[in-house]
Amino acid sequence: MDTPRGPIQQPHVVALSAPYGIVRPVEGQDYTVLYPPPEKRTRWRVDVMRDGRRVVHRMDCAAGSESGSLATDPDALRLLAQGPEAATTWAICRPEAVLSTLPPPADGSF
């Protein structure tokens, strides 16, 4: 905003990025909200089809419904372990490419 004495600095968001190797956490700061442990990260969107089956999408899949529920890795693995009658993956975004590389849930609920 300009005034008779010149422009006034306005607050704004600045996006920053840095390579992983040089980023260090600030001592005393709590980062758990930003980086939850892997078992609590929601990376999948689950939609319910008309026949009751569930479809697992990647979070960024355009075909995934915004109203779909969110799932963590263990939740998605448990859901898919119920078989194709209960749940399947979306053929376009192919979440099984990532899910197949994950270890089974720690609680052994397969």
C-alpha atoms as a PDB file:
ATOM      1  CA  MET A   1       0.000   0.000   0.000  1.00  0.00           C
ATOM      2  CA  ASP A   2       1.358   3.396  -0.965  1.00  0.00           C
ATOM      3  CA  THR A   3       1.164   6.419   1.325  1.00  0.00           C
ATOM      4  CA  PRO A   4       2.449   9.988   0.876  1.00  0.00           C
ATOM      5  CA  ARG A   5       5.617   8.895   2.709  1.00  0.00           C
ATOM      6  CA  GLY A   6       6.126   5.839   0.539  1.00  0.00           C
ATOM      7  CA  PRO A   7       5.020   2.197   0.467  1.00  0.00           C
ATOM      8  CA  ILE A   8       4.135   0.342   3.649  1.00  0.00           C
ATOM      9  CA  GLN A   9       5.431  -3.198   3.875  1.00  0.00           C
ATOM     10  CA  GLN A  10       2.553  -5.675   3.917  1.00  0.00           C
ATOM     11  CA  PRO A  11       2.806  -9.132   5.513  1.00  0.00           C
ATOM     12  CA  HIS A  12       3.000 -11.984   3.038  1.00  0.00           C
ATOM     13  CA  VAL A  13       3.813 -15.653   2.882  1.00  0.00           C
ATOM     14  CA  VAL A  14       7.192 -16.670   1.560  1.00  0.00           C
ATOM     15  CA  ALA A  15       7.623 -20.270   0.490  1.00  0.00           C
ATOM     16  CA  LEU A  16      11.079 -21.624   1.236  1.00  0.00           C
ATOM     17  CA  SER A  17      12.675 -24.925   0.405  1.00  0.00           C
ATOM     18  CA  ALA A  18      16.071 -26.468   1.042  1.00  0.00           C
ATOM     19  CA  PRO A  19      17.733 -29.792   0.299  1.00  0.00           C
ATOM     20  CA  TYR A  20      17.189 -32.420   2.984  1.00  0.00           C
ATOM     21  CA  GLY A  21      20.860 -32.594   3.941  1.00  0.00           C
ATOM     22  CA  ILE A  22      21.123 -28.996   5.147  1.00  0.00           C
ATOM     23  CA  VAL A  23      17.827 -28.725   7.041  1.00  0.00           C
ATOM     24  CA  ARG A  24      18.230 -29.092  10.795  1.00  0.00           C
ATOM     25  CA  PRO A  25      15.499 -28.935  13.446  1.00  0.00           C
ATOM     26  CA  VAL A  26      15.499 -25.976  15.797  1.00  0.00           C
ATOM     27  CA  GLU A  27      16.228 -27.125  19.334  1.00  0.00           C
ATOM     28  CA  GLY A  28      13.221 -26.890  21.650  1.00  0.00           C
ATOM     29  CA  GLN A  29      10.619 -26.787  18.852  1.00  0.00           C
ATOM     30  CA  ASP A  30       7.872 -29.421  18.651  1.00  0.00           C
ATOM     31  CA  TYR A  31       7.547 -30.757  15.102  1.00  0.00           C
ATOM     32  CA  THR A  32       5.188 -33.667  15.797  1.00  0.00           C
ATOM     33  CA  VAL A  33       2.225 -31.817  14.284  1.00  0.00           C
ATOM     34  CA  LEU A  34       4.129 -31.252  11.048  1.00  0.00           C
ATOM     35  CA  TYR A  35       5.726 -34.665  10.851  1.00  0.00           C
ATOM     36  CA  PRO A  36       3.642 -37.279  12.632  1.00  0.00           C
ATOM     37  CA  PRO A  37       5.119 -40.759  12.895  1.00  0.00           C
ATOM     38  CA  PRO A  38       4.561 -42.858   9.745  1.00  0.00           C
ATOM     39  CA  GLU A  39       1.800 -44.945  11.323  1.00  0.00           C
ATOM     40  CA  LYS A  40      -0.260 -41.769  11.889  1.00  0.00           C
ATOM     41  CA  ARG A  41       0.249 -40.070   8.499  1.00  0.00           C
ATOM     42  CA  THR A  42      -2.855 -40.007   6.336  1.00  0.00           C
ATOM     43  CA  ARG A  43      -1.661 -40.626   2.788  1.00  0.00           C
ATOM     44  CA  TRP A  44      -4.710 -42.314   1.278  1.00  0.00           C
ATOM     45  CA  ARG A  45      -8.275 -41.324   0.438  1.00  0.00           C
ATOM     46  CA  VAL A  46     -10.938 -44.020   0.673  1.00  0.00           C
ATOM     47  CA  ASP A  47     -14.199 -43.718  -1.256  1.00  0.00           C
ATOM     48  CA  VAL A  48     -17.239 -45.961  -0.879  1.00  0.00           C
ATOM     49  CA  MET A  49     -18.796 -47.227  -4.096  1.00  0.00           C
ATOM     50  CA  ARG A  50     -22.523 -47.838  -4.568  1.00  0.00           C
ATOM     51  CA  ASP A  51     -22.082 -51.572  -4.002  1.00  0.00           C
ATOM     52  CA  GLY A  52     -20.404 -50.904  -0.633  1.00  0.00           C
ATOM     53  CA  ARG A  53     -16.860 -51.720  -1.728  1.00  0.00           C
ATOM     54  CA  ARG A  54     -14.167 -49.244  -0.863  1.00  0.00           C
ATOM     55  CA  VAL A  55     -11.642 -47.781  -3.291  1.00  0.00           C
ATOM     56  CA  VAL A  56      -8.236 -46.597  -2.092  1.00  0.00           C
ATOM     57  CA  HIS A  57      -6.758 -43.576  -3.911  1.00  0.00           C
ATOM     58  CA  ARG A  58      -3.521 -41.661  -3.505  1.00  0.00           C
ATOM     59  CA  MET A  59      -4.152 -38.393  -1.689  1.00  0.00           C
ATOM     60  CA  ASP A  60      -3.419 -36.349  -4.817  1.00  0.00           C
ATOM     61  CA  CYS A  61      -5.607 -38.441  -7.145  1.00  0.00           C
ATOM     62  CA  ALA A  62      -8.120 -36.254  -9.004  1.00  0.00           C
ATOM     63  CA  ALA A  63     -10.639 -39.100  -9.053  1.00  0.00           C
ATOM     64  CA  GLY A  64     -10.665 -39.386  -5.260  1.00  0.00           C
ATOM     65  CA  SER A  65     -13.669 -37.749  -3.637  1.00  0.00           C
ATOM     66  CA  GLU A  66     -13.096 -34.796  -1.330  1.00  0.00           C
ATOM     67  CA  SER A  67     -15.726 -36.327   0.924  1.00  0.00           C
ATOM     68  CA  GLY A  68     -13.846 -39.618   1.103  1.00  0.00           C
ATOM     69  CA  SER A  69     -12.341 -40.663   4.402  1.00  0.00           C
ATOM     70  CA  LEU A  70      -8.604 -40.447   5.029  1.00  0.00           C
ATOM     71  CA  ALA A  71      -6.508 -43.483   5.878  1.00  0.00           C
ATOM     72  CA  THR A  72      -3.056 -44.144   7.272  1.00  0.00           C
ATOM     73  CA  ASP A  73      -0.735 -46.773   5.770  1.00  0.00           C
ATOM     74  CA  PRO A  74      -1.772 -49.468   8.298  1.00  0.00           C
ATOM     75  CA  ASP A  75      -5.479 -48.638   7.802  1.00  0.00           C
ATOM     76  CA  ALA A  76      -5.185 -48.947   4.017  1.00  0.00           C
ATOM     77  CA  LEU A  77      -3.260 -52.214   4.305  1.00  0.00           C
ATOM     78  CA  ARG A  78      -5.865 -53.682   6.687  1.00  0.00           C
ATOM     79  CA  LEU A  79      -8.681 -52.600   4.400  1.00  0.00           C
ATOM     80  CA  LEU A  80      -7.090 -54.129   1.295  1.00  0.00           C
ATOM     81  CA  ALA A  81      -6.248 -57.321   3.185  1.00  0.00           C
ATOM     82  CA  GLN A  82     -10.000 -57.984   3.444  1.00  0.00           C
ATOM     83  CA  GLY A  83      -9.955 -58.902  -0.230  1.00  0.00           C
ATOM     84  CA  PRO A  84     -11.366 -57.503  -3.477  1.00  0.00           C
ATOM     85  CA  GLU A  85     -14.947 -58.010  -2.291  1.00  0.00           C
ATOM     86  CA  ALA A  86     -14.360 -55.386   0.419  1.00  0.00           C
ATOM     87  CA  ALA A  87     -11.797 -53.013  -1.089  1.00  0.00           C
ATOM     88  CA  THR A  88      -9.675 -52.366  -4.138  1.00  0.00           C
ATOM     89  CA  THR A  89      -7.150 -49.828  -5.363  1.00  0.00           C
ATOM     90  CA  TRP A  90      -7.827 -47.262  -8.088  1.00  0.00           C
ATOM     91  CA  ALA A  91      -6.271 -48.385 -11.378  1.00  0.00           C
ATOM     92  CA  ILE A  92      -5.201 -44.897 -12.465  1.00  0.00           C
ATOM     93  CA  CYS A  93      -3.326 -43.564  -9.409  1.00  0.00           C
ATOM     94  CA  ARG A  94      -2.050 -47.070  -8.477  1.00  0.00           C
ATOM     95  CA  PRO A  95      -1.633 -46.800  -4.696  1.00  0.00           C
ATOM     96  CA  GLU A  96      -0.655 -50.468  -4.574  1.00  0.00           C
ATOM     97  CA  ALA A  97       2.741 -49.468  -6.029  1.00  0.00           C
ATOM     98  CA  VAL A  98       3.546 -47.836  -2.679  1.00  0.00           C
ATOM     99  CA  LEU A  99       1.433 -49.998  -0.381  1.00  0.00           C
ATOM    100  CA  SER A 100       3.084 -53.206  -1.622  1.00  0.00           C
ATOM    101  CA  THR A 101       6.457 -51.930  -0.377  1.00  0.00           C
ATOM    102  CA  LEU A 102       5.255 -51.314   3.201  1.00  0.00           C
ATOM    103  CA  PRO A 103       5.686 -53.753   6.069  1.00  0.00           C
ATOM    104  CA  PRO A 104       2.519 -55.210   7.594  1.00  0.00           C
ATOM    105  CA  PRO A 105       0.968 -53.269  10.505  1.00  0.00           C
ATOM    106  CA  ALA A 106       2.906 -53.656  13.761  1.00  0.00           C
ATOM    107  CA  ASP A 107      -0.137 -54.811  15.702  1.00  0.00           C
ATOM    108  CA  GLY A 108      -0.392 -57.924  13.496  1.00  0.00           C
ATOM    109  CA  SER A 109      -4.038 -57.287  12.661  1.00  0.00           C
ATOM    110  CA  PHE A 110      -3.835 -58.777   9.179  1.00  0.00           C
END
